[in-house]
């Protein structure tokens, strides 16, 4: 959840992100995923690619 919240904050441009507090309730996140099962594959592909990108740097 920390990773997703940080990436949400990173998507908000300065100076707006200084007042933005990203927060996901764990079960709300699960509900979003189960709402559209294809989202699992899309989301985790993006997360794996992002994690791989940061590990290489």
Protein backbone atom coordinates (compact mmCIF):
# COMPACT_ATOMS: atom_id res chain seq x y z
CA UNK A 1 0.00 0.00 0.00
CA UNK A 2 2.88 2.36 0.77
CA UNK A 3 4.20 1.98 -2.77
CA UNK A 4 0.81 2.74 -4.35
CA UNK A 5 0.22 5.72 -2.08
CA UNK A 6 3.64 7.17 -2.89
CA UNK A 7 3.09 6.70 -6.62
CA UNK A 8 -0.30 8.44 -6.32
CA UNK A 9 1.41 11.41 -4.68
CA UNK A 10 4.12 11.41 -7.37
CA UNK A 11 1.43 11.68 -10.07
CA UNK A 12 0.11 14.95 -8.61
CA UNK A 13 2.14 17.90 -9.93
CA UNK A 14 3.86 20.44 -7.68
CA UNK A 15 2.68 22.49 -5.79
CA UNK A 16 -0.63 20.57 -5.52
CA UNK A 17 0.99 17.43 -4.14
CA UNK A 18 2.16 19.27 -1.01
CA UNK A 19 -1.45 19.37 0.22
CA UNK A 20 -2.36 15.93 -1.11
CA UNK A 21 -2.34 13.03 1.35
CA UNK A 22 -2.58 9.74 -0.55
CA UNK A 23 -4.46 7.03 1.28
CA UNK A 24 -5.84 3.67 0.24
CA UNK A 25 -7.87 1.58 2.63
CA UNK A 26 -6.70 -1.99 2.03
CA UNK A 27 -10.18 -3.41 1.52
CA UNK A 28 -11.17 -0.57 -0.82
CA UNK A 29 -8.14 -1.43 -2.94
CA UNK A 30 -9.16 -5.10 -3.01
CA UNK A 31 -12.68 -4.06 -3.96
CA UNK A 32 -11.35 -2.05 -6.89
CA UNK A 33 -9.33 -5.02 -8.10
CA UNK A 34 -12.22 -7.48 -7.81
CA UNK A 35 -14.52 -5.05 -9.61
CA UNK A 36 -12.65 -5.85 -12.83
CA UNK A 37 -10.56 -9.02 -12.69
CA UNK A 38 -8.44 -7.93 -15.69
CA UNK A 39 -7.20 -5.11 -13.49
CA UNK A 40 -5.10 -7.61 -11.52
CA UNK A 41 -3.00 -8.44 -14.55
CA UNK A 42 -2.70 -4.82 -15.71
CA UNK A 43 -1.84 -3.45 -12.27
CA UNK A 44 0.69 -6.07 -11.32
CA UNK A 45 2.38 -5.84 -14.72
CA UNK A 46 2.80 -2.09 -14.17
CA UNK A 47 4.03 -2.62 -10.60
CA UNK A 48 6.56 -5.25 -11.67
CA UNK A 49 7.85 -3.01 -14.47
CA UNK A 50 8.09 -0.01 -12.12
CA UNK A 51 9.87 -2.03 -9.43
CA UNK A 52 12.29 -3.44 -12.01
CA UNK A 53 12.99 0.10 -13.27
CA UNK A 54 13.88 1.34 -9.78
CA UNK A 55 15.99 -1.70 -8.96
CA UNK A 56 18.11 -1.19 -12.08
CA UNK A 57 18.88 2.43 -11.20
